[in-house]
Amino acid sequence: MLDELAKKLAAVLPQGVQQVQADLEKHFRAVLDEHMSRLNLVTREEFEVQQAVLQRTREQLDSLEAQLVRLEDEVSKSEPAD
């Protein structure tokens, strides 16, 4: 993606400057890499791992909530009515 962006940036340069296009693409790539590394980004793989962890946590929470409701029902049924 960054390579493509660097090529697009180099392509919009005036004709005389396009002669040094390869050097500019490398420079644009280095600048983009530097700026992207400063951002607090995660890889797609890291994102998907965390998404799976969150999904499992949500499922466990739903299960525990259902179990709590069942236990509360049992307790309320076993308590003598006033």
Protein backbone atom coordinates (compact mmCIF):
# COMPACT_ATOMS: atom_id res chain seq x y z
CA MET A 1 0.00 0.00 0.00
CA LEU A 2 2.79 2.42 0.85
CA ASP A 3 4.67 1.49 -2.31
CA GLU A 4 1.57 2.28 -4.34
CA LEU A 5 1.13 5.61 -2.59
CA ALA A 6 4.79 6.49 -3.16
CA LYS A 7 4.42 5.69 -6.89
CA LYS A 8 1.29 7.85 -7.14
CA LEU A 9 3.06 10.75 -5.47
CA ALA A 10 6.01 10.41 -7.85
CA ALA A 11 3.68 10.17 -10.86
CA VAL A 12 2.06 13.56 -10.24
CA LEU A 13 5.38 15.36 -10.35
CA PRO A 14 6.19 17.63 -13.33
CA GLN A 15 7.73 15.97 -16.41
CA GLY A 16 11.29 17.18 -15.73
CA VAL A 17 11.21 15.82 -12.23
CA GLN A 18 9.90 12.43 -13.33
CA GLN A 19 13.40 11.59 -14.56
CA VAL A 20 14.38 11.02 -10.97
CA GLN A 21 11.15 9.17 -10.26
CA ALA A 22 12.79 6.02 -8.87
CA ASP A 23 14.82 8.02 -6.38
CA LEU A 24 11.77 10.02 -5.38
CA GLU A 25 9.70 6.86 -4.93
CA LYS A 26 12.34 5.52 -2.56
CA HIS A 27 12.40 8.81 -0.70
CA PHE A 28 8.59 9.02 -0.51
CA ARG A 29 8.55 5.42 0.72
CA ALA A 30 11.09 6.20 3.45
CA VAL A 31 9.20 9.31 4.54
CA LEU A 32 5.88 7.45 4.59
CA ASP A 33 7.41 4.55 6.53
CA GLU A 34 8.85 6.95 9.08
CA HIS A 35 5.56 8.74 9.58
CA MET A 36 3.54 5.52 9.70
CA SER A 37 5.88 4.08 12.33
CA ARG A 38 5.13 7.07 14.56
CA LEU A 39 1.44 6.24 14.53
CA ASN A 40 0.12 3.82 17.07
CA LEU A 41 -1.09 1.24 14.55
CA VAL A 42 -1.46 -2.50 14.78
CA THR A 43 -1.10 -5.06 12.05
CA ARG A 44 -4.14 -6.75 10.57
CA GLU A 45 -3.07 -9.99 12.23
CA GLU A 46 -2.83 -8.33 15.67
CA PHE A 47 -6.25 -6.76 15.12
CA GLU A 48 -7.82 -10.09 14.17
CA VAL A 49 -6.28 -11.83 17.20
CA GLN A 50 -7.67 -9.17 19.51
CA GLN A 51 -11.03 -9.35 17.75
CA ALA A 52 -11.14 -13.12 18.39
CA VAL A 53 -10.20 -12.61 22.05
CA LEU A 54 -12.94 -10.01 22.39
CA GLN A 55 -15.48 -12.35 20.76
CA ARG A 56 -14.59 -15.18 23.18
CA THR A 57 -14.80 -12.77 26.10
CA ARG A 58 -18.23 -11.57 24.93
CA GLU A 59 -19.44 -15.19 24.67
CA GLN A 60 -18.17 -15.97 28.18
CA LEU A 61 -19.83 -12.84 29.54
CA ASP A 62 -23.13 -13.75 27.90
CA SER A 63 -22.89 -17.25 29.37
CA LEU A 64 -22.12 -15.92 32.85
CA GLU A 65 -25.00 -13.45 32.64
CA ALA A 66 -27.40 -16.26 31.71
CA GLN A 67 -26.05 -18.40 34.55
CA LEU A 68 -26.52 -15.50 36.99
CA VAL A 69 -30.14 -15.04 35.89
CA ARG A 70 -30.79 -18.78 36.41
CA LEU A 71 -29.20 -18.71 39.87
CA GLU A 72 -31.18 -15.61 40.85
CA ASP A 73 -34.38 -17.38 39.72
CA GLU A 74 -33.51 -20.44 41.80
CA VAL A 75 -32.79 -18.32 44.86
CA SER A 76 -36.00 -16.32 44.48
CA LYS A 77 -38.05 -19.51 44.08
CA SER A 78 -36.50 -21.12 47.16
CA GLU A 79 -37.08 -18.10 49.41
CA PRO A 80 -40.27 -18.28 51.45
CA ALA A 81 -42.91 -15.76 50.44
CA ASP A 82 -43.88 -13.21 53.09
